[in-house]
Amino acid sequence: MLPPLSADGYADRSAPFSSWQTFGSYVGETDCNAAIARFQFGINSQIGSISHAAIPSEAGAVEMMSAKCFAANDPRLANREISE
């Protein structure tokens, strides 16, 4: 899942998990973490280390650099539907 961005363009890791965006569904935590690692490697290869979205087109990269894996039944995601 991807965190929302704060008003100043940083990933808001302190936002309630129910406000994070679903990015994909995976068989398990290992597959999810591997997918995140692949995307982060690609970002680092293309644009380098990024933690702040200075322009709108950088938002997805900043969000992906703070992505986390959650089980669909994780109680921290209460009041949020997760696509499977």
Protein backbone atom coordinates (compact mmCIF):
# COMPACT_ATOMS: atom_id res chain seq x y z
CA MET A 1 0.00 0.00 0.00
CA LEU A 2 1.10 3.56 -0.68
CA PRO A 3 0.90 6.38 1.86
CA PRO A 4 -0.75 9.65 0.93
CA LEU A 5 1.44 12.67 0.34
CA SER A 6 1.50 15.56 2.77
CA ALA A 7 0.81 19.07 1.54
CA ASP A 8 4.55 19.68 1.18
CA GLY A 9 5.11 16.62 -1.05
CA TYR A 10 6.49 14.08 1.43
CA ALA A 11 5.05 10.63 2.07
CA ASP A 12 2.80 10.93 5.12
CA ARG A 13 3.84 7.76 6.92
CA SER A 14 1.90 8.86 10.00
CA ALA A 15 -1.41 8.99 8.12
CA PRO A 16 -3.99 6.43 9.26
CA PHE A 17 -3.47 3.21 7.34
CA SER A 18 -7.09 3.38 6.27
CA SER A 19 -6.14 6.36 4.08
CA TRP A 20 -3.30 4.56 2.26
CA GLN A 21 -3.88 3.54 -1.37
CA THR A 22 -3.94 -0.08 -2.46
CA PHE A 23 -1.30 -0.68 -5.11
CA GLY A 24 -1.64 -4.39 -5.73
CA SER A 25 -2.50 -7.79 -4.34
CA TYR A 26 0.08 -10.49 -3.80
CA VAL A 27 0.13 -14.13 -2.71
CA GLY A 28 1.98 -13.32 0.49
CA GLU A 29 4.29 -10.94 2.28
CA THR A 30 7.39 -12.27 0.50
CA ASP A 31 5.87 -11.61 -2.94
CA CYS A 32 4.68 -8.18 -1.86
CA ASN A 33 8.07 -7.16 -0.47
CA ALA A 34 9.77 -8.44 -3.62
CA ALA A 35 7.43 -6.34 -5.78
CA ILE A 36 8.11 -3.24 -3.71
CA ALA A 37 11.86 -3.86 -3.96
CA ARG A 38 11.60 -4.17 -7.77
CA PHE A 39 9.66 -0.91 -8.07
CA GLN A 40 12.03 0.90 -5.71
CA PHE A 41 15.05 -0.41 -7.63
CA GLY A 42 13.50 0.91 -10.84
CA ILE A 43 12.89 4.31 -9.29
CA ASN A 44 16.44 4.49 -7.99
CA SER A 45 17.76 3.47 -11.42
CA GLN A 46 15.66 6.07 -13.25
CA ILE A 47 15.72 9.10 -10.97
CA GLY A 48 17.85 8.24 -7.95
CA SER A 49 16.88 8.58 -4.33
CA ILE A 50 13.70 10.61 -3.88
CA SER A 51 11.80 11.51 -0.72
CA HIS A 52 10.00 14.67 -1.80
CA ALA A 53 7.69 15.32 -4.74
CA ALA A 54 8.71 18.73 -6.04
CA ILE A 55 6.36 18.36 -9.01
CA PRO A 56 3.17 16.29 -9.42
CA SER A 57 4.81 13.73 -11.71
CA GLU A 58 7.12 12.70 -8.83
CA ALA A 59 4.26 11.82 -6.47
CA GLY A 60 4.07 8.14 -7.43
CA ALA A 61 7.80 7.65 -6.96
CA VAL A 62 7.73 9.26 -3.51
CA GLU A 63 4.74 7.13 -2.49
CA MET A 64 6.40 3.93 -3.74
CA MET A 65 9.56 4.64 -1.78
CA SER A 66 7.42 4.44 1.39
CA ALA A 67 5.23 1.50 0.34
CA LYS A 68 4.33 -1.18 2.89
CA CYS A 69 2.76 -4.60 2.70
CA PHE A 70 -0.42 -5.34 4.64
CA ALA A 71 -2.58 -8.43 4.86
CA ALA A 72 -6.08 -7.84 3.57
CA ASN A 73 -7.48 -8.66 7.02
CA ASP A 74 -5.09 -6.38 8.94
CA PRO A 75 -7.17 -4.64 11.64
CA ARG A 76 -5.27 -1.37 11.09
CA LEU A 77 -7.10 -1.11 7.78
CA ALA A 78 -10.54 -0.98 9.41
CA ASN A 79 -13.21 0.86 7.44
CA ARG A 80 -11.33 0.39 4.19
CA GLU A 81 -11.97 -2.09 1.43
CA ILE A 82 -8.91 -3.73 -0.05
CA SER A 83 -9.13 -5.04 -3.58
CA GLU A 84 -8.01 -8.62 -3.97
